[in-house]
N, C-alpha and C. Protein backbone atom coordinates (compact mmCIF):
# COMPACT_ATOMS: atom_id res chain seq x y z
N UNK A 1 20.52 40.72 -31.07
CA UNK A 1 19.32 40.08 -31.14
C UNK A 1 18.78 39.78 -29.81
N UNK A 2 17.41 39.75 -29.79
CA UNK A 2 16.60 39.66 -28.60
C UNK A 2 15.81 38.35 -28.57
N UNK A 3 15.92 37.43 -27.55
CA UNK A 3 15.09 36.03 -27.69
C UNK A 3 14.42 36.09 -26.30
N UNK A 4 13.31 35.33 -26.36
CA UNK A 4 12.46 35.20 -25.00
C UNK A 4 12.77 33.43 -24.64
N UNK A 5 13.25 33.53 -23.49
CA UNK A 5 13.65 32.33 -22.84
C UNK A 5 12.47 31.93 -21.70
N UNK A 6 12.05 30.57 -21.70
CA UNK A 6 11.25 29.99 -20.73
C UNK A 6 12.16 29.67 -19.66
N UNK A 7 12.05 29.87 -18.40
CA UNK A 7 12.65 29.48 -17.20
C UNK A 7 11.95 28.81 -16.10
N UNK A 8 12.39 27.77 -15.70
CA UNK A 8 11.88 26.75 -14.72
C UNK A 8 12.89 26.61 -13.70
N UNK A 9 12.45 26.27 -12.42
CA UNK A 9 13.32 25.89 -11.30
C UNK A 9 13.04 24.54 -11.11
N UNK A 10 14.07 23.64 -11.25
CA UNK A 10 14.06 22.21 -10.88
C UNK A 10 14.24 22.01 -9.45
N UNK A 11 13.32 21.42 -8.68
CA UNK A 11 13.47 21.25 -7.28
C UNK A 11 14.33 20.02 -7.05
N UNK A 12 14.41 18.95 -8.06
CA UNK A 12 15.16 17.95 -7.77
C UNK A 12 16.71 18.14 -7.83
N UNK A 13 17.13 19.11 -8.93
CA UNK A 13 18.58 19.41 -9.02
C UNK A 13 19.01 20.78 -8.21
N UNK A 14 17.98 21.53 -7.94
CA UNK A 14 18.21 22.88 -7.39
C UNK A 14 18.74 23.95 -8.51
N UNK A 15 18.42 23.59 -9.77
CA UNK A 15 19.00 24.54 -10.68
C UNK A 15 17.86 25.14 -11.51
N UNK A 16 18.12 26.32 -12.20
CA UNK A 16 17.23 26.84 -13.01
C UNK A 16 17.65 26.36 -14.36
N UNK A 17 16.54 26.10 -15.13
CA UNK A 17 16.66 25.50 -16.57
C UNK A 17 16.00 26.50 -17.32
N UNK A 18 16.56 26.83 -18.51
CA UNK A 18 16.02 27.62 -19.46
C UNK A 18 16.10 27.14 -20.93
N UNK A 19 15.22 27.58 -21.65
CA UNK A 19 15.33 27.29 -23.23
C UNK A 19 14.47 28.28 -23.80
N UNK A 20 14.90 28.51 -25.29
CA UNK A 20 14.23 29.35 -26.01
C UNK A 20 13.26 28.44 -27.14
N UNK A 21 11.96 28.84 -26.92
CA UNK A 21 11.16 27.92 -27.60
C UNK A 21 11.36 28.26 -29.46
N UNK A 22 11.27 26.93 -29.96
CA UNK A 22 11.56 26.81 -31.40
C UNK A 22 12.91 26.93 -31.64
N UNK A 23 14.06 27.21 -30.93
CA UNK A 23 15.21 27.46 -31.28
C UNK A 23 16.09 26.08 -30.86
N UNK A 24 16.21 25.14 -31.74
CA UNK A 24 16.92 23.96 -31.30
C UNK A 24 18.40 24.11 -30.73
N UNK A 25 18.43 23.48 -29.59
CA UNK A 25 19.78 23.51 -29.02
C UNK A 25 19.92 24.60 -28.07
N UNK A 26 18.98 25.68 -28.25
CA UNK A 26 19.14 27.00 -27.17
C UNK A 26 18.34 26.57 -25.91
N UNK A 27 19.22 25.80 -24.83
CA UNK A 27 18.85 25.69 -23.65
C UNK A 27 20.12 25.42 -22.76
N UNK A 28 19.72 25.61 -21.46
CA UNK A 28 21.03 25.64 -20.69
C UNK A 28 20.34 25.60 -19.16
N UNK A 29 21.26 25.56 -18.29
CA UNK A 29 20.91 25.56 -16.76
C UNK A 29 22.01 26.38 -15.91
N UNK A 30 21.67 26.56 -14.79
CA UNK A 30 22.62 27.62 -13.89
C UNK A 30 22.00 27.51 -12.38
N UNK A 31 23.02 27.64 -11.56
CA UNK A 31 22.59 27.73 -10.06
C UNK A 31 21.91 28.84 -9.67
N UNK A 32 22.17 29.92 -10.48
CA UNK A 32 21.28 31.42 -10.32
C UNK A 32 20.86 31.77 -11.45
N UNK A 33 19.85 32.81 -11.51
CA UNK A 33 19.29 33.34 -12.82
C UNK A 33 20.38 34.13 -13.51
N UNK A 34 21.27 34.72 -12.97
CA UNK A 34 22.28 35.30 -13.52
C UNK A 34 23.30 34.25 -14.16
N UNK A 35 23.71 33.16 -13.65
CA UNK A 35 24.47 32.15 -14.25
C UNK A 35 23.63 31.47 -15.42
N UNK A 36 22.42 31.34 -15.31
CA UNK A 36 21.56 30.68 -16.42
C UNK A 36 21.66 31.72 -17.61
N UNK A 37 21.26 33.13 -17.22
CA UNK A 37 21.46 34.00 -18.44
C UNK A 37 22.61 33.98 -19.11
N UNK A 38 23.83 34.16 -18.40
CA UNK A 38 25.12 33.98 -18.94
C UNK A 38 25.34 32.82 -19.77
N UNK A 39 24.78 31.56 -19.33
CA UNK A 39 24.90 30.41 -20.06
C UNK A 39 24.13 30.16 -21.34
N UNK A 40 22.96 31.01 -21.14
CA UNK A 40 22.08 31.04 -22.39
C UNK A 40 22.52 31.81 -23.45
N UNK A 41 23.20 33.07 -23.10
CA UNK A 41 23.75 34.00 -23.95
C UNK A 41 24.97 33.20 -24.79
N UNK A 42 25.77 32.46 -24.05
CA UNK A 42 26.91 31.79 -24.47
C UNK A 42 26.57 30.72 -25.41
N UNK A 43 25.44 30.01 -25.07
CA UNK A 43 24.87 28.96 -26.01
C UNK A 43 24.39 29.62 -27.35
N UNK A 44 23.49 30.62 -27.13
CA UNK A 44 22.93 31.20 -28.35
C UNK A 44 23.81 31.78 -29.22
N UNK A 45 24.93 32.49 -28.65
CA UNK A 45 25.95 33.11 -29.40
C UNK A 45 26.80 32.09 -30.30
N UNK A 46 26.89 30.85 -29.77
CA UNK A 46 27.50 29.82 -30.43
C UNK A 46 26.67 29.15 -31.56
N UNK A 47 25.56 29.08 -31.35
CA UNK A 47 24.49 28.58 -32.36
C UNK A 47 24.55 29.61 -33.51
N UNK A 48 24.45 30.94 -33.14
CA UNK A 48 24.38 31.79 -34.18
C UNK A 48 25.46 31.92 -35.20
N UNK A 49 26.68 31.40 -34.66
CA UNK A 49 27.84 31.18 -35.42
C UNK A 49 27.50 30.61 -36.89
N UNK A 50 26.52 29.61 -36.80
CA UNK A 50 26.03 28.87 -38.05
C UNK A 50 25.10 29.64 -38.69
N UNK A 51 24.87 30.93 -38.54
CA UNK A 51 24.02 31.63 -39.12
C UNK A 51 22.62 31.99 -38.46
N UNK A 52 21.76 32.78 -39.10
CA UNK A 52 20.49 33.10 -38.45
C UNK A 52 19.61 31.83 -38.16
N UNK A 53 18.97 31.50 -36.98
CA UNK A 53 18.23 30.54 -36.69
C UNK A 53 16.81 30.61 -37.41
N UNK A 54 16.38 29.29 -37.87
CA UNK A 54 14.96 29.22 -38.26
C UNK A 54 14.08 28.91 -36.95
N UNK A 55 13.27 29.87 -36.53
CA UNK A 55 12.61 29.71 -35.30
C UNK A 55 11.19 29.18 -35.81
N UNK A 56 10.79 27.80 -35.44
CA UNK A 56 9.69 27.30 -35.88
C UNK A 56 8.62 27.59 -34.89
N UNK A 57 8.81 28.15 -33.90
CA UNK A 57 7.86 28.83 -32.99
C UNK A 57 8.08 30.08 -32.34
N UNK A 58 7.19 30.68 -31.79
CA UNK A 58 7.47 32.06 -31.13
C UNK A 58 6.59 32.13 -29.73
N UNK A 59 7.25 32.46 -28.62
CA UNK A 59 6.50 32.52 -27.41
C UNK A 59 5.50 33.52 -27.45
N UNK A 60 4.21 33.14 -26.95
CA UNK A 60 2.98 33.86 -27.06
C UNK A 60 2.50 34.40 -25.77
N UNK A 61 2.65 33.39 -24.69
CA UNK A 61 2.13 33.78 -23.45
C UNK A 61 1.99 32.50 -22.47
N UNK A 62 1.32 32.80 -21.42
CA UNK A 62 1.01 31.72 -20.46
C UNK A 62 -0.54 31.71 -20.24
N UNK A 63 -0.96 30.54 -19.85
CA UNK A 63 -2.47 30.37 -19.47
C UNK A 63 -2.52 29.54 -18.35
N UNK A 64 -3.42 29.95 -17.43
CA UNK A 64 -3.74 29.15 -16.36
C UNK A 64 -4.79 27.96 -16.64
N UNK A 65 -4.66 26.80 -16.15
CA UNK A 65 -5.48 25.80 -16.58
C UNK A 65 -6.19 25.37 -15.16
N UNK A 66 -7.45 25.37 -14.99
CA UNK A 66 -8.13 25.01 -13.98
C UNK A 66 -8.70 23.75 -14.19
N UNK A 67 -8.53 22.49 -13.17
CA UNK A 67 -9.27 21.31 -13.32
C UNK A 67 -10.28 21.26 -12.16
N UNK A 68 -11.23 20.21 -12.23
CA UNK A 68 -12.06 20.02 -11.25
C UNK A 68 -11.55 19.01 -10.18
């Protein structure tokens, strides 16, 4: 299965944080992007043991917001 994860870098902790939109519990963190990916795969595989997820949203894209 293939999922899209949103990844951010937390300056406070120095960790990469990722989550799969609409997939409850599918989130993790890591010191590197490779570690984050490994951790997300592990979490997702564990969650899939309970069956196919009901994804209540789907990643659509990003948008730049400009304020005055």
